[in-house]
PDB file of all heavy atoms in Angstrom:
ATOM      1  N   LYS A   1      77.224 113.123 -12.500  1.00  0.00           N
ATOM      2  CA  LYS A   1      78.466 112.467 -12.087  1.00  0.00           C
ATOM      3  C   LYS A   1      79.281 113.402 -11.196  1.00  0.00           C
ATOM      4  O   LYS A   1      79.804 112.999 -10.154  1.00  0.00           O
ATOM      5  CB  LYS A   1      79.277 112.068 -13.316  1.00  0.00           C
ATOM      6  CG  LYS A   1      80.576 111.356 -12.987  1.00  0.00           C
ATOM      7  CD  LYS A   1      81.337 110.994 -14.254  1.00  0.00           C
ATOM      8  CE  LYS A   1      82.669 110.320 -13.912  1.00  0.00           C
ATOM      9  NZ  LYS A   1      83.428 109.993 -15.148  1.00  0.00           N
ATOM     10  N   GLY A   2      79.376 114.674 -11.614  1.00  0.00           N
ATOM     11  CA  GLY A   2      80.088 115.658 -10.803  1.00  0.00           C
ATOM     12  C   GLY A   2      79.401 115.902  -9.476  1.00  0.00           C
ATOM     13  O   GLY A   2      80.060 116.092  -8.450  1.00  0.00           O
ATOM     14  N   LEU A   3      78.063 115.860  -9.473  1.00  0.00           N
ATOM     15  CA  LEU A   3      77.299 116.046  -8.234  1.00  0.00           C
ATOM     16  C   LEU A   3      77.605 114.921  -7.245  1.00  0.00           C
ATOM     17  O   LEU A   3      77.768 115.164  -6.045  1.00  0.00           O
ATOM     18  CB  LEU A   3      75.808 116.082  -8.546  1.00  0.00           C
ATOM     19  CG  LEU A   3      74.863 116.190  -7.345  1.00  0.00           C
ATOM     20  CD1 LEU A   3      75.087 117.511  -6.611  1.00  0.00           C
ATOM     21  CD2 LEU A   3      73.411 116.069  -7.799  1.00  0.00           C
ATOM     22  N   GLY A   4      77.701 113.688  -7.745  1.00  0.00           N
ATOM     23  CA  GLY A   4      78.031 112.562  -6.878  1.00  0.00           C
ATOM     24  C   GLY A   4      79.392 112.736  -6.226  1.00  0.00           C
ATOM     25  O   GLY A   4      79.559 112.473  -5.026  1.00  0.00           O
ATOM     26  N   THR A   5      80.365 113.202  -7.011  1.00  0.00           N
ATOM     27  CA  THR A   5      81.705 113.445  -6.465  1.00  0.00           C
ATOM     28  C   THR A   5      81.683 114.560  -5.436  1.00  0.00           C
ATOM     29  O   THR A   5      82.325 114.473  -4.383  1.00  0.00           O
ATOM     30  CB  THR A   5      82.687 113.798  -7.592  1.00  0.00           C
ATOM     31  OG1 THR A   5      82.694 112.754  -8.572  1.00  0.00           O
ATOM     32  CG2 THR A   5      84.097 113.980  -7.058  1.00  0.00           C
ATOM     33  N   THR A   6      80.925 115.615  -5.723  1.00  0.00           N
ATOM     34  CA  THR A   6      80.809 116.735  -4.791  1.00  0.00           C
ATOM     35  C   THR A   6      80.180 116.295  -3.468  1.00  0.00           C
ATOM     36  O   THR A   6      80.626 116.693  -2.391  1.00  0.00           O
ATOM     37  CB  THR A   6      79.972 117.872  -5.416  1.00  0.00           C
ATOM     38  OG1 THR A   6      80.690 118.421  -6.531  1.00  0.00           O
ATOM     39  CG2 THR A   6      79.709 118.985  -4.408  1.00  0.00           C
ATOM     40  N   LEU A   7      79.141 115.475  -3.544  1.00  0.00           N
ATOM     41  CA  LEU A   7      78.490 114.991  -2.321  1.00  0.00           C
ATOM     42  C   LEU A   7      79.436 114.114  -1.509  1.00  0.00           C
ATOM     43  O   LEU A   7      79.515 114.254  -0.283  1.00  0.00           O
ATOM     44  CB  LEU A   7      77.230 114.200  -2.683  1.00  0.00           C
ATOM     45  CG  LEU A   7      76.044 115.026  -3.191  1.00  0.00           C
ATOM     46  CD1 LEU A   7      74.928 114.111  -3.677  1.00  0.00           C
ATOM     47  CD2 LEU A   7      75.523 115.967  -2.114  1.00  0.00           C
ATOM     48  N   LEU A   8      80.164 113.220  -2.189  1.00  0.00           N
ATOM     49  CA  LEU A   8      81.124 112.366  -1.499  1.00  0.00           C
ATOM     50  C   LEU A   8      82.201 113.200  -0.829  1.00  0.00           C
ATOM     51  O   LEU A   8      82.549 112.989   0.342  1.00  0.00           O
ATOM     52  CB  LEU A   8      81.757 111.388  -2.490  1.00  0.00           C
ATOM     53  CG  LEU A   8      82.888 110.496  -1.948  1.00  0.00           C
ATOM     54  CD1 LEU A   8      82.382 109.607  -0.815  1.00  0.00           C
ATOM     55  CD2 LEU A   8      83.484 109.657  -3.072  1.00  0.00           C
ATOM     56  N   LEU A   9      82.727 114.161  -1.576  1.00  0.00           N
ATOM     57  CA  LEU A   9      83.758 115.049  -1.056  1.00  0.00           C
ATOM     58  C   LEU A   9      83.245 115.856   0.129  1.00  0.00           C
ATOM     59  O   LEU A   9      83.934 116.005   1.148  1.00  0.00           O
ATOM     60  CB  LEU A   9      84.225 115.980  -2.179  1.00  0.00           C
ATOM     61  CG  LEU A   9      85.315 117.000  -1.871  1.00  0.00           C
ATOM     62  CD1 LEU A   9      86.605 116.301  -1.471  1.00  0.00           C
ATOM     63  CD2 LEU A   9      85.554 117.882  -3.092  1.00  0.00           C
ATOM     64  N   SER A  10      82.026 116.366   0.013  1.00  0.00           N
ATOM     65  CA  SER A  10      81.446 117.191   1.073  1.00  0.00           C
ATOM     66  C   SER A  10      81.226 116.395   2.347  1.00  0.00           C
ATOM     67  O   SER A  10      81.581 116.846   3.444  1.00  0.00           O
ATOM     68  CB  SER A  10      80.116 117.788   0.607  1.00  0.00           C
ATOM     69  OG  SER A  10      80.291 118.616  -0.522  1.00  0.00           O
ATOM     70  N   ILE A  11      80.647 115.210   2.222  1.00  0.00           N
ATOM     71  CA  ILE A  11      80.366 114.386   3.404  1.00  0.00           C
ATOM     72  C   ILE A  11      81.654 114.009   4.120  1.00  0.00           C
ATOM     73  O   ILE A  11      81.767 114.121   5.348  1.00  0.00           O
ATOM     74  CB  ILE A  11      79.573 113.131   3.010  1.00  0.00           C
ATOM     75  CG1 ILE A  11      78.175 113.527   2.534  1.00  0.00           C
ATOM     76  CG2 ILE A  11      79.471 112.159   4.176  1.00  0.00           C
ATOM     77  CD1 ILE A  11      77.397 112.393   1.888  1.00  0.00           C
ATOM     78  N   ALA A  12      82.649 113.554   3.335  1.00  0.00           N
ATOM     79  CA  ALA A  12      83.926 113.154   3.941  1.00  0.00           C
ATOM     80  C   ALA A  12      84.622 114.338   4.599  1.00  0.00           C
ATOM     81  O   ALA A  12      85.174 114.217   5.698  1.00  0.00           O
ATOM     82  CB  ALA A  12      84.835 112.539   2.874  1.00  0.00           C
ATOM     83  N   ALA A  13      84.582 115.503   3.938  1.00  0.00           N
ATOM     84  CA  ALA A  13      85.244 116.685   4.491  1.00  0.00           C
ATOM     85  C   ALA A  13      84.503 117.222   5.710  1.00  0.00           C
ATOM     86  O   ALA A  13      85.129 117.749   6.640  1.00  0.00           O
ATOM     87  CB  ALA A  13      85.351 117.772   3.422  1.00  0.00           C
ATOM     88  N   ILE A  14      83.186 117.110   5.732  1.00  0.00           N
ATOM     89  CA  ILE A  14      82.414 117.528   6.907  1.00  0.00           C
ATOM     90  C   ILE A  14      82.805 116.687   8.115  1.00  0.00           C
ATOM     91  O   ILE A  14      83.029 117.211   9.216  1.00  0.00           O
ATOM     92  CB  ILE A  14      80.898 117.424   6.631  1.00  0.00           C
ATOM     93  CG1 ILE A  14      80.442 118.590   5.742  1.00  0.00           C
ATOM     94  CG2 ILE A  14      80.102 117.424   7.939  1.00  0.00           C
ATOM     95  CD1 ILE A  14      79.011 118.476   5.256  1.00  0.00           C
ATOM     96  N   ILE A  15      82.900 115.380   7.911  1.00  0.00           N
ATOM     97  CA  ILE A  15      83.304 114.500   9.018  1.00  0.00           C
ATOM     98  C   ILE A  15      84.730 114.821   9.459  1.00  0.00           C
ATOM     99  O   ILE A  15      85.021 114.976  10.655  1.00  0.00           O
ATOM    100  CB  ILE A  15      83.196 113.024   8.591  1.00  0.00           C
ATOM    101  CG1 ILE A  15      81.732 112.648   8.323  1.00  0.00           C
ATOM    102  CG2 ILE A  15      83.793 112.104   9.664  1.00  0.00           C
ATOM    103  CD1 ILE A  15      81.547 111.279   7.699  1.00  0.00           C
ATOM    104  N   GLY A  16      85.632 114.937   8.479  1.00  0.00           N
ATOM    105  CA  GLY A  16      87.035 115.212   8.807  1.00  0.00           C
ATOM    106  C   GLY A  16      87.232 116.547   9.491  1.00  0.00           C
ATOM    107  O   GLY A  16      87.987 116.652  10.469  1.00  0.00           O
ATOM    108  N   SER A  17      86.575 117.587   8.991  1.00  0.00           N
ATOM    109  CA  SER A  17      86.736 118.917   9.570  1.00  0.00           C
ATOM    110  C   SER A  17      86.116 119.014  10.958  1.00  0.00           C
ATOM    111  O   SER A  17      86.625 119.718  11.829  1.00  0.00           O
ATOM    112  CB  SER A  17      86.123 119.975   8.645  1.00  0.00           C
ATOM    113  OG  SER A  17      84.730 119.771   8.489  1.00  0.00           O
ATOM    114  N   THR A  18      85.014 118.286  11.178  1.00  0.00           N
ATOM    115  CA  THR A  18      84.375 118.297  12.495  1.00  0.00           C
ATOM    116  C   THR A  18      85.278 117.652  13.539  1.00  0.00           C
ATOM    117  O   THR A  18      85.466 118.194  14.636  1.00  0.00           O
ATOM    118  CB  THR A  18      83.027 117.564  12.449  1.00  0.00           C
ATOM    119  OG1 THR A  18      82.177 118.190  11.481  1.00  0.00           O
ATOM    120  CG2 THR A  18      82.342 117.594  13.807  1.00  0.00           C
ATOM    121  N   LEU A  19      85.862 116.512  13.195  1.00  0.00           N
ATOM    122  CA  LEU A  19      86.780 115.839  14.117  1.00  0.00           C
ATOM    123  C   LEU A  19      88.032 116.672  14.354  1.00  0.00           C
ATOM    124  O   LEU A  19      88.505 116.797  15.499  1.00  0.00           O
ATOM    125  CB  LEU A  19      87.155 114.460  13.565  1.00  0.00           C
ATOM    126  CG  LEU A  19      86.005 113.445  13.454  1.00  0.00           C
ATOM    127  CD1 LEU A  19      86.491 112.157  12.787  1.00  0.00           C
ATOM    128  CD2 LEU A  19      85.419 113.153  14.827  1.00  0.00           C
ATOM    129  N   THR A  20      88.559 117.259  13.279  1.00  0.00           N
ATOM    130  CA  THR A  20      89.753 118.103  13.408  1.00  0.00           C
ATOM    131  C   THR A  20      89.458 119.331  14.257  1.00  0.00           C
ATOM    132  O   THR A  20      90.236 119.701  15.143  1.00  0.00           O
ATOM    133  CB  THR A  20      90.250 118.542  12.019  1.00  0.00           C
ATOM    134  OG1 THR A  20      90.529 117.390  11.223  1.00  0.00           O
ATOM    135  CG2 THR A  20      91.521 119.376  12.134  1.00  0.00           C
ATOM    136  N   GLY A  21      88.321 119.965  13.987  1.00  0.00           N
ATOM    137  CA  GLY A  21      87.955 121.161  14.737  1.00  0.00           C
ATOM    138  C   GLY A  21      87.685 120.872  16.196  1.00  0.00           C
ATOM    139  O   GLY A  21      88.072 121.651  17.076  1.00  0.00           O
ATOM    140  N   LEU A  22      87.023 119.746  16.472  1.00  0.00           N
ATOM    141  CA  LEU A  22      86.743 119.385  17.864  1.00  0.00           C
ATOM    142  C   LEU A  22      88.043 119.121  18.624  1.00  0.00           C
ATOM    143  O   LEU A  22      88.203 119.573  19.769  1.00  0.00           O
ATOM    144  CB  LEU A  22      85.851 118.154  17.908  1.00  0.00           C
ATOM    145  CG  LEU A  22      85.469 117.639  19.299  1.00  0.00           C
ATOM    146  CD1 LEU A  22      84.764 118.721  20.103  1.00  0.00           C
ATOM    147  CD2 LEU A  22      84.589 116.396  19.189  1.00  0.00           C
ATOM    148  N   LEU A  23      88.974 118.418  17.988  1.00  0.00           N
ATOM    149  CA  LEU A  23      90.265 118.152  18.625  1.00  0.00           C
ATOM    150  C   LEU A  23      91.014 119.454  18.911  1.00  0.00           C
ATOM    151  O   LEU A  23      91.547 119.648  20.016  1.00  0.00           O
ATOM    152  CB  LEU A  23      91.118 117.249  17.733  1.00  0.00           C
ATOM    153  CG  LEU A  23      92.546 116.963  18.221  1.00  0.00           C
ATOM    154  CD1 LEU A  23      92.525 116.283  19.587  1.00  0.00           C
ATOM    155  CD2 LEU A  23      93.301 116.121  17.197  1.00  0.00           C
ATOM    156  N   ALA A  24      91.026 120.358  17.932  1.00  0.00           N
ATOM    157  CA  ALA A  24      91.711 121.640  18.120  1.00  0.00           C
ATOM    158  C   ALA A  24      91.047 122.465  19.219  1.00  0.00           C
ATOM    159  O   ALA A  24      91.725 123.135  20.008  1.00  0.00           O
ATOM    160  CB  ALA A  24      91.729 122.430  16.810  1.00  0.00           C
ATOM    161  N   ALA A  25      89.716 122.405  19.299  1.00  0.00           N
ATOM    162  CA  ALA A  25      88.995 123.141  20.346  1.00  0.00           C
ATOM    163  C   ALA A  25      89.302 122.577  21.726  1.00  0.00           C
ATOM    164  O   ALA A  25      89.450 123.331  22.697  1.00  0.00           O
ATOM    165  CB  ALA A  25      87.494 123.080  20.075  1.00  0.00           C
ATOM    166  N   ILE A  26      89.401 121.255  21.821  1.00  0.00           N
ATOM    167  CA  ILE A  26      89.750 120.631  23.100  1.00  0.00           C
ATOM    168  C   ILE A  26      91.146 121.076  23.535  1.00  0.00           C
ATOM    169  O   ILE A  26      91.372 121.397  24.713  1.00  0.00           O
ATOM    170  CB  ILE A  26      89.682 119.096  22.976  1.00  0.00           C
ATOM    171  CG1 ILE A  26      88.227 118.650  22.783  1.00  0.00           C
ATOM    172  CG2 ILE A  26      90.275 118.429  24.213  1.00  0.00           C
ATOM    173  CD1 ILE A  26      88.071 117.174  22.476  1.00  0.00           C
ATOM    174  N   LEU A  27      92.068 121.123  22.587  1.00  0.00           N
ATOM    175  CA  LEU A  27      93.425 121.571  22.912  1.00  0.00           C
ATOM    176  C   LEU A  27      93.436 123.043  23.309  1.00  0.00           C
ATOM    177  O   LEU A  27      94.143 123.443  24.241  1.00  0.00           O
ATOM    178  CB  LEU A  27      94.359 121.337  21.723  1.00  0.00           C
ATOM    179  CG  LEU A  27      94.599 119.874  21.322  1.00  0.00           C
ATOM    180  CD1 LEU A  27      95.512 119.806  20.088  1.00  0.00           C
ATOM    181  CD2 LEU A  27      95.210 119.081  22.470  1.00  0.00           C
TER     182      LEU A  27
END
């Protein structure tokens, strides 16, 4: 159960951090 939460958290954070990082790099 904890692994499922970790995977969900990781996938969402990977997407969010990639978009955030790309935007910051463009700026």
